[in-house]
PDB file of N, CA and C in Angstrom:
ATOM      1  N   MET A   1      14.705  -6.971   9.455  1.00  0.00           N
ATOM      2  CA  MET A   1      13.537  -7.047   8.602  1.00  0.00           C
ATOM      3  C   MET A   1      14.082  -7.778   7.467  1.00  0.00           C
ATOM      4  N   LYS A   2      13.365  -8.911   7.102  1.00  0.00           N
ATOM      5  CA  LYS A   2      13.469  -9.540   5.704  1.00  0.00           C
ATOM      6  C   LYS A   2      13.057  -8.443   4.347  1.00  0.00           C
ATOM      7  N   CYS A   3      14.079  -8.649   3.354  1.00  0.00           N
ATOM      8  CA  CYS A   3      13.719  -7.735   2.353  1.00  0.00           C
ATOM      9  C   CYS A   3      13.083  -8.775   1.022  1.00  0.00           C
ATOM     10  N   ILE A   4      11.810  -8.355   0.427  1.00  0.00           N
ATOM     11  CA  ILE A   4      11.121  -9.119  -0.581  1.00  0.00           C
ATOM     12  C   ILE A   4      11.214  -8.202  -1.638  1.00  0.00           C
ATOM     13  N   MET A   5      11.856  -8.477  -2.823  1.00  0.00           N
ATOM     14  CA  MET A   5      12.099  -7.412  -4.058  1.00  0.00           C
ATOM     15  C   MET A   5      11.441  -8.305  -5.212  1.00  0.00           C
ATOM     16  N   ASN A   6      10.797  -7.369  -6.009  1.00  0.00           N
ATOM     17  CA  ASN A   6      10.342  -7.582  -7.542  1.00  0.00           C
ATOM     18  C   ASN A   6       9.446  -8.786  -7.520  1.00  0.00           C
ATOM     19  N   GLU A   7       8.376  -8.878  -6.514  1.00  0.00           N
ATOM     20  CA  GLU A   7       7.651 -10.083  -6.523  1.00  0.00           C
ATOM     21  C   GLU A   7       6.158  -9.566  -6.991  1.00  0.00           C
ATOM     22  N   CYS A   8       5.396 -10.552  -7.509  1.00  0.00           N
ATOM     23  CA  CYS A   8       4.167 -10.202  -7.532  1.00  0.00           C
ATOM     24  C   CYS A   8       3.209 -11.271  -7.008  1.00  0.00           C
ATOM     25  N   PHE A   9       2.309 -10.756  -6.134  1.00  0.00           N
ATOM     26  CA  PHE A   9       1.309 -11.522  -5.369  1.00  0.00           C
ATOM     27  C   PHE A   9      -0.264 -11.257  -5.918  1.00  0.00           C
ATOM     28  N   THR A  10      -0.656 -12.247  -5.940  1.00  0.00           N
ATOM     29  CA  THR A  10      -2.212 -12.312  -6.567  1.00  0.00           C
ATOM     30  C   THR A  10      -3.024 -13.263  -5.637  1.00  0.00           C
ATOM     31  N   ASN A  11      -4.315 -12.735  -5.052  1.00  0.00           N
ATOM     32  CA  ASN A  11      -5.013 -13.533  -4.402  1.00  0.00           C
ATOM     33  C   ASN A  11      -4.640 -14.207  -3.351  1.00  0.00           C
ATOM     34  N   GLU A  12      -3.645 -13.376  -2.414  1.00  0.00           N
ATOM     35  CA  GLU A  12      -2.804 -13.962  -1.207  1.00  0.00           C
ATOM     36  C   GLU A  12      -3.083 -13.079  -0.196  1.00  0.00           C
ATOM     37  N   THR A  13      -3.027 -13.823   1.135  1.00  0.00           N
ATOM     38  CA  THR A  13      -3.280 -12.756   2.259  1.00  0.00           C
ATOM     39  C   THR A  13      -1.929 -12.727   2.797  1.00  0.00           C
ATOM     40  N   ILE A  14      -1.301 -11.602   3.018  1.00  0.00           N
ATOM     41  CA  ILE A  14       0.085 -11.226   3.295  1.00  0.00           C
ATOM     42  C   ILE A  14       0.241 -10.567   4.732  1.00  0.00           C
ATOM     43  N   ALA A  15       1.120 -10.790   5.588  1.00  0.00           N
ATOM     44  CA  ALA A  15       1.239 -10.096   6.774  1.00  0.00           C
ATOM     45  C   ALA A  15       2.583  -9.196   6.601  1.00  0.00           C
ATOM     46  N   PHE A  16       2.339  -7.929   6.731  1.00  0.00           N
ATOM     47  CA  PHE A  16       3.369  -7.141   6.316  1.00  0.00           C
ATOM     48  C   PHE A  16       4.272  -6.935   7.234  1.00  0.00           C
ATOM     49  N   ASP A  17       3.936  -7.248   8.597  1.00  0.00           N
ATOM     50  CA  ASP A  17       4.920  -7.186   9.932  1.00  0.00           C
ATOM     51  C   ASP A  17       6.107  -8.005   9.777  1.00  0.00           C
ATOM     52  N   GLY A  18       7.280  -7.133   9.925  1.00  0.00           N
ATOM     53  CA  GLY A  18       8.684  -7.646   9.804  1.00  0.00           C
ATOM     54  C   GLY A  18       9.118  -7.901   8.551  1.00  0.00           C
ATOM     55  N   PHE A  19       8.631  -7.203   7.618  1.00  0.00           N
ATOM     56  CA  PHE A  19       9.138  -7.556   6.103  1.00  0.00           C
ATOM     57  C   PHE A  19       9.149  -5.959   5.527  1.00  0.00           C
ATOM     58  N   SER A  20      10.027  -6.115   4.582  1.00  0.00           N
ATOM     59  CA  SER A  20      10.370  -4.991   3.795  1.00  0.00           C
ATOM     60  C   SER A  20      10.264  -5.146   2.297  1.00  0.00           C
ATOM     61  N   PHE A  21       8.980  -4.715   1.564  1.00  0.00           N
ATOM     62  CA  PHE A  21       8.714  -4.820   0.219  1.00  0.00           C
ATOM     63  C   PHE A  21       9.405  -3.978  -0.648  1.00  0.00           C
ATOM     64  N   LYS A  22       9.974  -4.231  -1.765  1.00  0.00           N
ATOM     65  CA  LYS A  22      10.501  -3.125  -2.692  1.00  0.00           C
ATOM     66  C   LYS A  22       9.877  -3.753  -4.166  1.00  0.00           C
ATOM     67  N   ASN A  23       9.535  -3.014  -5.030  1.00  0.00           N
ATOM     68  CA  ASN A  23       9.312  -3.135  -6.421  1.00  0.00           C
ATOM     69  C   ASN A  23       7.880  -4.299  -6.273  1.00  0.00           C
ATOM     70  N   CYS A  24       7.269  -4.605  -5.590  1.00  0.00           N
ATOM     71  CA  CYS A  24       6.221  -5.590  -5.424  1.00  0.00           C
ATOM     72  C   CYS A  24       5.081  -5.229  -6.131  1.00  0.00           C
ATOM     73  N   THR A  25       4.316  -5.974  -6.624  1.00  0.00           N
ATOM     74  CA  THR A  25       3.029  -5.844  -6.876  1.00  0.00           C
ATOM     75  C   THR A  25       1.819  -6.705  -6.259  1.00  0.00           C
ATOM     76  N   PHE A  26       0.817  -6.153  -5.614  1.00  0.00           N
ATOM     77  CA  PHE A  26      -0.070  -6.944  -4.926  1.00  0.00           C
ATOM     78  C   PHE A  26      -1.535  -6.795  -5.653  1.00  0.00           C
ATOM     79  N   THR A  27      -2.158  -7.756  -6.204  1.00  0.00           N
ATOM     80  CA  THR A  27      -3.451  -7.608  -6.922  1.00  0.00           C
ATOM     81  C   THR A  27      -4.489  -8.766  -6.161  1.00  0.00           C
ATOM     82  N   SER A  28      -5.356  -8.063  -5.757  1.00  0.00           N
ATOM     83  CA  SER A  28      -6.601  -8.883  -5.138  1.00  0.00           C
ATOM     84  C   SER A  28      -5.978  -9.580  -3.886  1.00  0.00           C
ATOM     85  N   CYS A  29      -5.233  -8.863  -3.155  1.00  0.00           N
ATOM     86  CA  CYS A  29      -4.566  -9.408  -2.060  1.00  0.00           C
ATOM     87  C   CYS A  29      -5.188  -8.907  -0.606  1.00  0.00           C
ATOM     88  N   VAL A  30      -4.885  -9.635   0.279  1.00  0.00           N
ATOM     89  CA  VAL A  30      -5.467  -9.095   1.835  1.00  0.00           C
ATOM     90  C   VAL A  30      -4.087  -8.625   2.454  1.00  0.00           C
ATOM     91  N   ILE A  31      -4.076  -7.353   2.841  1.00  0.00           N
ATOM     92  CA  ILE A  31      -2.830  -7.027   3.443  1.00  0.00           C
ATOM     93  C   ILE A  31      -3.081  -6.927   4.918  1.00  0.00           C
ATOM     94  N   ILE A  32      -2.357  -7.659   5.803  1.00  0.00           N
ATOM     95  CA  ILE A  32      -2.638  -7.562   7.397  1.00  0.00           C
ATOM     96  C   ILE A  32      -1.533  -6.830   8.126  1.00  0.00           C
ATOM     97  N   ILE A  33      -1.746  -5.899   8.654  1.00  0.00           N
ATOM     98  CA  ILE A  33      -0.763  -4.998   9.502  1.00  0.00           C
ATOM     99  C   ILE A  33      -1.221  -5.039  10.824  1.00  0.00           C
ATOM    100  N   THR A  34      -0.235  -5.295  11.737  1.00  0.00           N
ATOM    101  CA  THR A  34      -0.591  -5.404  13.173  1.00  0.00           C
ATOM    102  C   THR A  34       0.569  -4.643  14.180  1.00  0.00           C
ATOM    103  N   THR A  35       1.582  -4.143  13.577  1.00  0.00           N
ATOM    104  CA  THR A  35       2.566  -3.442  14.111  1.00  0.00           C
ATOM    105  C   THR A  35       3.109  -2.406  12.939  1.00  0.00           C
ATOM    106  N   LEU A  36       3.857  -1.631  13.438  1.00  0.00           N
ATOM    107  CA  LEU A  36       4.478  -0.539  12.354  1.00  0.00           C
ATOM    108  C   LEU A  36       5.839  -1.074  11.903  1.00  0.00           C
ATOM    109  N   GLN A  37       6.266  -2.201  12.060  1.00  0.00           N
ATOM    110  CA  GLN A  37       7.467  -2.712  11.717  1.00  0.00           C
ATOM    111  C   GLN A  37       7.363  -3.540  10.478  1.00  0.00           C
ATOM    112  N   PHE A  38       7.138  -2.575   9.490  1.00  0.00           N
ATOM    113  CA  PHE A  38       7.025  -2.911   8.036  1.00  0.00           C
ATOM    114  C   PHE A  38       7.562  -1.725   7.204  1.00  0.00           C
ATOM    115  N   HIS A  39       7.808  -2.261   5.829  1.00  0.00           N
ATOM    116  CA  HIS A  39       8.393  -0.942   5.093  1.00  0.00           C
ATOM    117  C   HIS A  39       8.148  -1.598   3.659  1.00  0.00           C
ATOM    118  N   PHE A  40       7.483  -0.509   2.995  1.00  0.00           N
ATOM    119  CA  PHE A  40       7.518  -1.047   1.350  1.00  0.00           C
ATOM    120  C   PHE A  40       7.756   0.437   0.502  1.00  0.00           C
ATOM    121  N   GLU A  41       8.490  -0.034  -0.640  1.00  0.00           N
ATOM    122  CA  GLU A  41       9.022   1.090  -1.845  1.00  0.00           C
ATOM    123  C   GLU A  41       8.712   0.797  -3.138  1.00  0.00           C
ATOM    124  N   SER A  42       8.040   1.406  -3.905  1.00  0.00           N
ATOM    125  CA  SER A  42       7.762   1.412  -5.219  1.00  0.00           C
ATOM    126  C   SER A  42       6.898   0.428  -5.335  1.00  0.00           C
ATOM    127  N   CYS A  43       6.100  -0.003  -4.625  1.00  0.00           N
ATOM    128  CA  CYS A  43       4.999  -1.121  -4.761  1.00  0.00           C
ATOM    129  C   CYS A  43       3.747  -0.465  -5.334  1.00  0.00           C
ATOM    130  N   ASN A  44       3.181  -1.475  -5.869  1.00  0.00           N
ATOM    131  CA  ASN A  44       1.729  -1.147  -6.385  1.00  0.00           C
ATOM    132  C   ASN A  44       0.751  -2.177  -5.971  1.00  0.00           C
ATOM    133  N   PHE A  45      -0.486  -1.498  -5.485  1.00  0.00           N
ATOM    134  CA  PHE A  45      -1.552  -2.082  -4.866  1.00  0.00           C
ATOM    135  C   PHE A  45      -2.928  -2.165  -6.060  1.00  0.00           C
ATOM    136  N   TYR A  46      -3.253  -3.131  -6.419  1.00  0.00           N
ATOM    137  CA  TYR A  46      -4.427  -3.292  -7.380  1.00  0.00           C
ATOM    138  C   TYR A  46      -5.514  -4.094  -6.538  1.00  0.00           C
ATOM    139  N   ASN A  47      -6.683  -3.522  -6.402  1.00  0.00           N
ATOM    140  CA  ASN A  47      -7.737  -4.091  -5.931  1.00  0.00           C
ATOM    141  C   ASN A  47      -7.649  -4.891  -4.503  1.00  0.00           C
ATOM    142  N   SER A  48      -6.772  -4.606  -3.707  1.00  0.00           N
ATOM    143  CA  SER A  48      -6.449  -5.147  -2.412  1.00  0.00           C
ATOM    144  C   SER A  48      -7.077  -4.380  -1.321  1.00  0.00           C
ATOM    145  N   ALA A  49      -6.921  -5.236  -0.330  1.00  0.00           N
ATOM    146  CA  ALA A  49      -7.579  -4.862   1.037  1.00  0.00           C
ATOM    147  C   ALA A  49      -6.483  -4.679   2.211  1.00  0.00           C
ATOM    148  N   LEU A  50      -6.485  -3.470   2.918  1.00  0.00           N
ATOM    149  CA  LEU A  50      -5.749  -3.480   4.160  1.00  0.00           C
ATOM    150  C   LEU A  50      -6.449  -3.545   5.269  1.00  0.00           C
ATOM    151  N   HIS A  51      -6.056  -4.611   6.134  1.00  0.00           N
ATOM    152  CA  HIS A  51      -6.471  -4.934   7.414  1.00  0.00           C
ATOM    153  C   HIS A  51      -5.622  -4.267   8.566  1.00  0.00           C
ATOM    154  N   VAL A  52      -5.935  -3.236   9.173  1.00  0.00           N
ATOM    155  CA  VAL A  52      -4.956  -2.686  10.188  1.00  0.00           C
ATOM    156  C   VAL A  52      -5.316  -2.880  11.432  1.00  0.00           C
ATOM    157  N   HIS A  53      -4.526  -3.150  12.365  1.00  0.00           N
ATOM    158  CA  HIS A  53      -5.006  -3.364  13.806  1.00  0.00           C
ATOM    159  C   HIS A  53      -5.429  -2.075  14.310  1.00  0.00           C
ATOM    160  N   PRO A  54      -6.456  -2.134  15.157  1.00  0.00           N
ATOM    161  CA  PRO A  54      -7.239  -0.624  15.371  1.00  0.00           C
ATOM    162  C   PRO A  54      -6.647   0.032  16.275  1.00  0.00           C
ATOM    163  N   GLU A  55      -5.682  -0.483  17.138  1.00  0.00           N
ATOM    164  CA  GLU A  55      -4.822   0.355  18.093  1.00  0.00           C
ATOM    165  C   GLU A  55      -3.743   0.999  17.204  1.00  0.00           C
ATOM    166  N   LEU A  56      -3.203   0.801  16.034  1.00  0.00           N
ATOM    167  CA  LEU A  56      -2.256   1.546  15.260  1.00  0.00           C
ATOM    168  C   LEU A  56      -2.897   2.936  14.949  1.00  0.00           C
ATOM    169  N   PRO A  57      -1.856   4.018  14.843  1.00  0.00           N
ATOM    170  CA  PRO A  57      -2.111   5.211  14.480  1.00  0.00           C
ATOM    171  C   PRO A  57      -2.781   5.293  12.955  1.00  0.00           C
ATOM    172  N   VAL A  58      -3.670   5.707  12.690  1.00  0.00           N
ATOM    173  CA  VAL A  58      -4.293   5.809  11.360  1.00  0.00           C
ATOM    174  C   VAL A  58      -3.284   6.648  10.590  1.00  0.00           C
ATOM    175  N   PHE A  59      -2.701   8.008  10.961  1.00  0.00           N
ATOM    176  CA  PHE A  59      -2.026   8.667  10.367  1.00  0.00           C
ATOM    177  C   PHE A  59      -0.827   8.084   9.728  1.00  0.00           C
ATOM    178  N   GLU A  60      -0.042   7.242  10.782  1.00  0.00           N
ATOM    179  CA  GLU A  60       1.070   6.564  10.453  1.00  0.00           C
ATOM    180  C   GLU A  60       1.055   5.603   9.205  1.00  0.00           C
ATOM    181  N   ILE A  61      -0.244   4.866   9.228  1.00  0.00           N
ATOM    182  CA  ILE A  61      -0.505   3.988   8.207  1.00  0.00           C
ATOM    183  C   ILE A  61      -0.664   4.889   6.902  1.00  0.00           C
ATOM    184  N   SER A  62      -1.513   5.858   7.070  1.00  0.00           N
ATOM    185  CA  SER A  62      -1.679   6.463   5.720  1.00  0.00           C
ATOM    186  C   SER A  62      -0.516   7.408   5.196  1.00  0.00           C
ATOM    187  N   HIS A  63       0.263   7.852   6.059  1.00  0.00           N
ATOM    188  CA  HIS A  63       1.688   8.494   5.879  1.00  0.00           C
ATOM    189  C   HIS A  63       2.428   7.390   4.884  1.00  0.00           C
ATOM    190  N   ARG A  64       2.460   6.235   5.230  1.00  0.00           N
ATOM    191  CA  ARG A  64       3.161   5.100   4.560  1.00  0.00           C
ATOM    192  C   ARG A  64       2.517   4.928   2.942  1.00  0.00           C
ATOM    193  N   LEU A  65       1.217   5.230   3.052  1.00  0.00           N
ATOM    194  CA  LEU A  65       0.550   4.583   1.907  1.00  0.00           C
ATOM    195  C   LEU A  65       0.627   6.036   0.817  1.00  0.00           C
ATOM    196  N   SER A  66       0.953   7.011   1.528  1.00  0.00           N
ATOM    197  CA  SER A  66       1.082   8.362   0.710  1.00  0.00           C
ATOM    198  C   SER A  66       2.166   8.427  -0.293  1.00  0.00           C
ATOM    199  N   GLN A  67       2.950   7.331  -0.362  1.00  0.00           N
ATOM    200  CA  GLN A  67       4.185   7.415  -1.411  1.00  0.00           C
ATOM    201  C   GLN A  67       3.483   6.846  -2.779  1.00  0.00           C
ATOM    202  N   SER A  68       2.038   6.448  -2.573  1.00  0.00           N
ATOM    203  CA  SER A  68       1.410   5.692  -3.725  1.00  0.00           C
ATOM    204  C   SER A  68       0.059   6.764  -3.922  1.00  0.00           C
ATOM    205  N   THR A  69      -0.263   6.698  -5.113  1.00  0.00           N
ATOM    206  CA  THR A  69      -1.530   7.516  -5.497  1.00  0.00           C
ATOM    207  C   THR A  69      -2.625   6.701  -5.956  1.00  0.00           C
ATOM    208  N   TYR A  70      -4.047   6.689  -5.286  1.00  0.00           N
ATOM    209  CA  TYR A  70      -4.900   6.158  -5.675  1.00  0.00           C
ATOM    210  C   TYR A  70      -5.583   6.454  -6.866  1.00  0.00           C
ATOM    211  N   ASP A  71      -5.752   5.564  -7.831  1.00  0.00           N
ATOM    212  CA  ASP A  71      -6.420   5.838  -9.020  1.00  0.00           C
ATOM    213  C   ASP A  71      -7.724   5.424  -9.037  1.00  0.00           C
ATOM    214  N   GLY A  72      -8.775   6.204  -9.241  1.00  0.00           N
ATOM    215  CA  GLY A  72     -10.114   5.666  -9.096  1.00  0.00           C
ATOM    216  C   GLY A  72     -10.533   5.226 -10.327  1.00  0.00           C
ATOM    217  N   ASP A  73      -9.989   5.369 -11.537  1.00  0.00           N
ATOM    218  CA  ASP A  73     -10.179   4.674 -12.818  1.00  0.00           C
ATOM    219  C   ASP A  73      -9.825   3.199 -12.703  1.00  0.00           C
ATOM    220  N   THR A  74      -8.726   2.960 -12.286  1.00  0.00           N
ATOM    221  CA  THR A  74      -8.352   1.483 -12.148  1.00  0.00           C
ATOM    222  C   THR A  74      -8.513   0.796 -10.702  1.00  0.00           C
ATOM    223  N   LEU A  75      -8.733   1.738  -9.810  1.00  0.00           N
ATOM    224  CA  LEU A  75      -9.107   1.090  -8.647  1.00  0.00           C
ATOM    225  C   LEU A  75      -7.978   0.617  -7.910  1.00  0.00           C
ATOM    226  N   CYS A  76      -6.631   1.143  -8.027  1.00  0.00           N
ATOM    227  CA  CYS A  76      -5.555   0.873  -7.343  1.00  0.00           C
ATOM    228  C   CYS A  76      -4.672   2.218  -6.955  1.00  0.00           C
ATOM    229  N   TYR A  77      -3.725   1.702  -6.090  1.00  0.00           N
ATOM    230  CA  TYR A  77      -2.447   2.857  -5.630  1.00  0.00           C
ATOM    231  C   TYR A  77      -1.582   2.381  -6.467  1.00  0.00           C
ATOM    232  N   ARG A  78      -1.021   3.606  -7.181  1.00  0.00           N
ATOM    233  CA  ARG A  78       0.133   3.597  -8.174  1.00  0.00           C
ATOM    234  C   ARG A  78       1.188   4.293  -7.532  1.00  0.00           C
ATOM    235  N   ASP A  79       2.214   3.896  -7.974  1.00  0.00           N
ATOM    236  CA  ASP A  79       3.604   4.477  -7.410  1.00  0.00           C
ATOM    237  C   ASP A  79       3.860   5.543  -8.522  1.00  0.00           C
ATOM    238  N   ASP A  80       4.136   6.770  -7.729  1.00  0.00           N
ATOM    239  CA  ASP A  80       4.443   7.845  -8.926  1.00  0.00           C
ATOM    240  C   ASP A  80       5.880   7.716  -9.318  1.00  0.00           C
ATOM    241  N   TYR A  81       6.647   6.784  -8.964  1.00  0.00           N
ATOM    242  CA  TYR A  81       7.952   6.533  -9.521  1.00  0.00           C
ATOM    243  C   TYR A  81       7.877   5.884 -10.987  1.00  0.00           C
ATOM    244  N   LYS A  82       6.870   5.174 -11.160  1.00  0.00           N
ATOM    245  CA  LYS A  82       6.621   4.377 -12.401  1.00  0.00           C
ATOM    246  C   LYS A  82       5.574   5.371 -13.643  1.00  0.00           C
ATOM    247  N   TYR A  83       4.525   5.854 -12.557  1.00  0.00           N
ATOM    248  CA  TYR A  83       3.438   6.542 -13.218  1.00  0.00           C
ATOM    249  C   TYR A  83       3.434   8.008 -12.973  1.00  0.00           C
ATOM    250  N   PRO A  84       2.960   8.818 -14.053  1.00  0.00           N
ATOM    251  CA  PRO A  84       3.237  10.288 -13.744  1.00  0.00           C
ATOM    252  C   PRO A  84       2.367  10.840 -12.417  1.00  0.00           C
ATOM    253  N   ARG A  85       2.548  11.730 -11.729  1.00  0.00           N
ATOM    254  CA  ARG A  85       1.861  12.208 -10.581  1.00  0.00           C
ATOM    255  C   ARG A  85       0.308  12.466 -11.112  1.00  0.00           C
ATOM    256  N   THR A  86      -0.666  12.038 -10.222  1.00  0.00           N
ATOM    257  CA  THR A  86      -2.072  12.106 -10.377  1.00  0.00           C
ATOM    258  C   THR A  86      -2.484  13.213  -9.504  1.00  0.00           C
ATOM    259  N   VAL A  87      -3.303  14.332  -9.965  1.00  0.00           N
ATOM    260  CA  VAL A  87      -3.872  15.137  -9.151  1.00  0.00           C
ATOM    261  C   VAL A  87      -5.156  14.566  -8.658  1.00  0.00           C
ATOM    262  N   LEU A  88      -5.785  14.407  -7.354  1.00  0.00           N
ATOM    263  CA  LEU A  88      -6.888  13.830  -7.026  1.00  0.00           C
ATOM    264  C   LEU A  88      -7.634  15.112  -6.209  1.00  0.00           C
ATOM    265  N   GLN A  89      -9.049  15.263  -6.742  1.00  0.00           N
ATOM    266  CA  GLN A  89      -9.753  16.118  -6.043  1.00  0.00           C
ATOM    267  C   GLN A  89     -10.245  15.632  -4.323  1.00  0.00           C
ATOM    268  N   LEU A  90      -9.819  16.794  -3.599  1.00  0.00           N
ATOM    269  CA  LEU A  90     -10.017  16.348  -2.093  1.00  0.00           C
ATOM    270  C   LEU A  90     -11.641  16.998  -1.910  1.00  0.00           C
ATOM    271  N   PRO A  91     -12.165  15.952  -0.950  1.00  0.00           N
ATOM    272  CA  PRO A  91     -13.731  16.638  -0.409  1.00  0.00           C
ATOM    273  C   PRO A  91     -13.284  17.781   0.269  1.00  0.00           C
ATOM    274  N   THR A  92     -14.195  18.563   0.395  1.00  0.00           N
ATOM    275  CA  THR A  92     -14.287  20.009   1.104  1.00  0.00           C
ATOM    276  C   THR A  92     -15.056  19.731   2.320  1.00  0.00           C
ATOM    277  N   THR A  93     -14.862  20.561   3.207  1.00  0.00           N
ATOM    278  CA  THR A  93     -15.591  20.720   4.530  1.00  0.00           C
ATOM    279  C   THR A  93     -16.458  21.686   4.476  1.00  0.00           C
ATOM    280  N   ILE A  94     -17.684  21.736   5.249  1.00  0.00           N
ATOM    281  CA  ILE A  94     -18.437  22.831   5.350  1.00  0.00           C
ATOM    282  C   ILE A  94     -18.191  23.520   6.597  1.00  0.00           C
TER     283      ILE A  94
END
């Protein structure tokens, strides 16, 4: 896997497949995921959209995103390594 470190991406379409991203920032990007052959660590996602192949397991993708916390005020996923842990209210079921 090719490693990309400390990069800032803005208004770009990026295929995650085959890459490992570390300490990167994605602002207003389109992220395309068609396989599980990717990794990211300590990344921030601001106002970006993920397009995931429909045959991939949703749990696996969401598990990888769980290293970040979604902040509704700034509309971004924040890495808790750089930001304090944010507590989010989860919806309840009836």
